[in-house]
Every structure is written in structure tokens, then in C-alpha cells.
Amino acid sequence: CVFNSSELKDIQYIDSYYYNKLEFIRFDSNVGKYVGYTELGVKNAEIWNNNPSQIASERAQREAYCLTNVGI
């Protein structure tokens, strides 16, 4: 979670996946979908972005995870 303030609209949730210290895919709440950075990441992003329940789950994490931890 990236905090600019304690308001939910200003909180950015990032879920990154790494392999061999190289980020290959990321969900960014400001973008609202997965973005791939390698060949494997691009393929996975395409599959995961076409799954509405997976996208809804990631979008909900910003409120469920970040908002509850903003005070910490």
C-alpha cells in the first residue's frame, strides 16, 4: 500500500509478483488491472484480467487491506 493520506481515494494498492528477483507482473489499483513486464507476465496479465472475480478481488484488497492498516 502506498499512502499519500488516510483517505481511501488517495491510497494505492500494488500487488507484485517476482521470479529470480525480477518483477514479472503487477496489479496496480490506480490502473485497475494487471500489467505484465516480461513475456510470462504479459501472458498471465491477459488471462487474469479476463477473470472478473480475480479483478474484483484485487480491487477489494485496497479497502480491505490498506484502509485497515492506514493507522499503523
Protein backbone atom coordinates (compact mmCIF):
# COMPACT_ATOMS: atom_id res chain seq x y z
CA CYS A 1 0.00 0.00 0.00
CA VAL A 2 1.24 3.45 -0.86
CA PHE A 3 -0.21 6.15 1.39
CA ASN A 4 -0.42 9.82 0.49
CA SER A 5 -3.08 10.47 3.12
CA SER A 6 -5.50 8.49 5.28
CA GLU A 7 -8.35 8.80 2.76
CA LEU A 8 -9.16 5.71 0.69
CA LYS A 9 -9.17 7.63 -2.59
CA ASP A 10 -5.52 8.58 -2.03
CA ILE A 11 -4.29 5.05 -1.22
CA GLN A 12 -2.65 2.97 -3.93
CA TYR A 13 -2.63 -0.83 -3.63
CA ILE A 14 0.12 -2.69 -5.50
CA ASP A 15 0.38 -6.50 -5.68
CA SER A 16 3.65 -7.50 -7.38
CA TYR A 17 4.93 -10.93 -8.36
CA TYR A 18 8.65 -11.67 -8.69
CA TYR A 19 10.71 -14.53 -10.04
CA ASN A 20 14.51 -14.56 -9.66
CA LYS A 21 14.36 -11.01 -8.27
CA LEU A 22 12.63 -9.76 -11.43
CA GLU A 23 9.13 -8.32 -11.26
CA PHE A 24 7.10 -10.01 -13.97
CA ILE A 25 3.53 -8.91 -13.20
CA ARG A 26 1.79 -6.31 -11.04
CA PHE A 27 -1.73 -5.33 -10.07
CA ASP A 28 -1.96 -1.58 -9.51
CA SER A 29 -5.20 -0.17 -8.08
CA ASN A 30 -4.66 3.12 -9.94
CA VAL A 31 -4.57 1.23 -13.24
CA GLY A 32 -7.27 -1.24 -12.14
CA LYS A 33 -5.79 -4.28 -13.83
CA TYR A 34 -2.69 -6.46 -14.07
CA VAL A 35 0.27 -5.28 -16.10
CA GLY A 36 2.93 -7.71 -17.31
CA TYR A 37 6.60 -6.75 -17.58
CA THR A 38 8.00 -9.95 -19.09
CA GLU A 39 6.73 -12.39 -21.72
CA LEU A 40 5.32 -14.63 -18.97
CA GLY A 41 3.87 -11.62 -17.14
CA VAL A 42 2.08 -10.33 -20.23
CA LYS A 43 0.51 -13.76 -20.83
CA ASN A 44 -0.60 -14.07 -17.20
CA ALA A 45 -1.92 -10.50 -17.16
CA GLU A 46 -4.09 -11.23 -20.17
CA ILE A 47 -5.54 -14.33 -18.52
CA TRP A 48 -6.02 -12.75 -15.09
CA ASN A 49 -7.53 -9.53 -16.49
CA ASN A 50 -10.19 -11.62 -18.27
CA ASN A 51 -11.30 -13.14 -14.96
CA PRO A 52 -13.83 -10.68 -13.43
CA SER A 53 -13.76 -12.31 -10.00
CA GLN A 54 -9.97 -12.04 -9.78
CA ILE A 55 -10.04 -8.35 -10.73
CA ALA A 56 -12.87 -7.66 -8.26
CA SER A 57 -10.92 -9.43 -5.52
CA GLU A 58 -7.78 -7.38 -6.16
CA ARG A 59 -9.75 -4.12 -6.26
CA ALA A 60 -11.37 -5.01 -2.93
CA GLN A 61 -7.95 -5.53 -1.33
CA ARG A 62 -7.27 -1.80 -1.35
CA GLU A 63 -10.14 -1.22 1.05
CA ALA A 64 -9.83 -4.48 2.99
CA TYR A 65 -6.06 -4.44 3.49
CA CYS A 66 -4.82 -0.89 3.06
CA LEU A 67 -7.60 1.01 4.80
CA THR A 68 -7.42 -1.20 7.87
CA ASN A 69 -3.65 -0.67 8.12
CA VAL A 70 -3.51 3.06 7.40
CA GLY A 71 -3.16 3.87 11.10
CA ILE A 72 -0.20 1.55 11.58
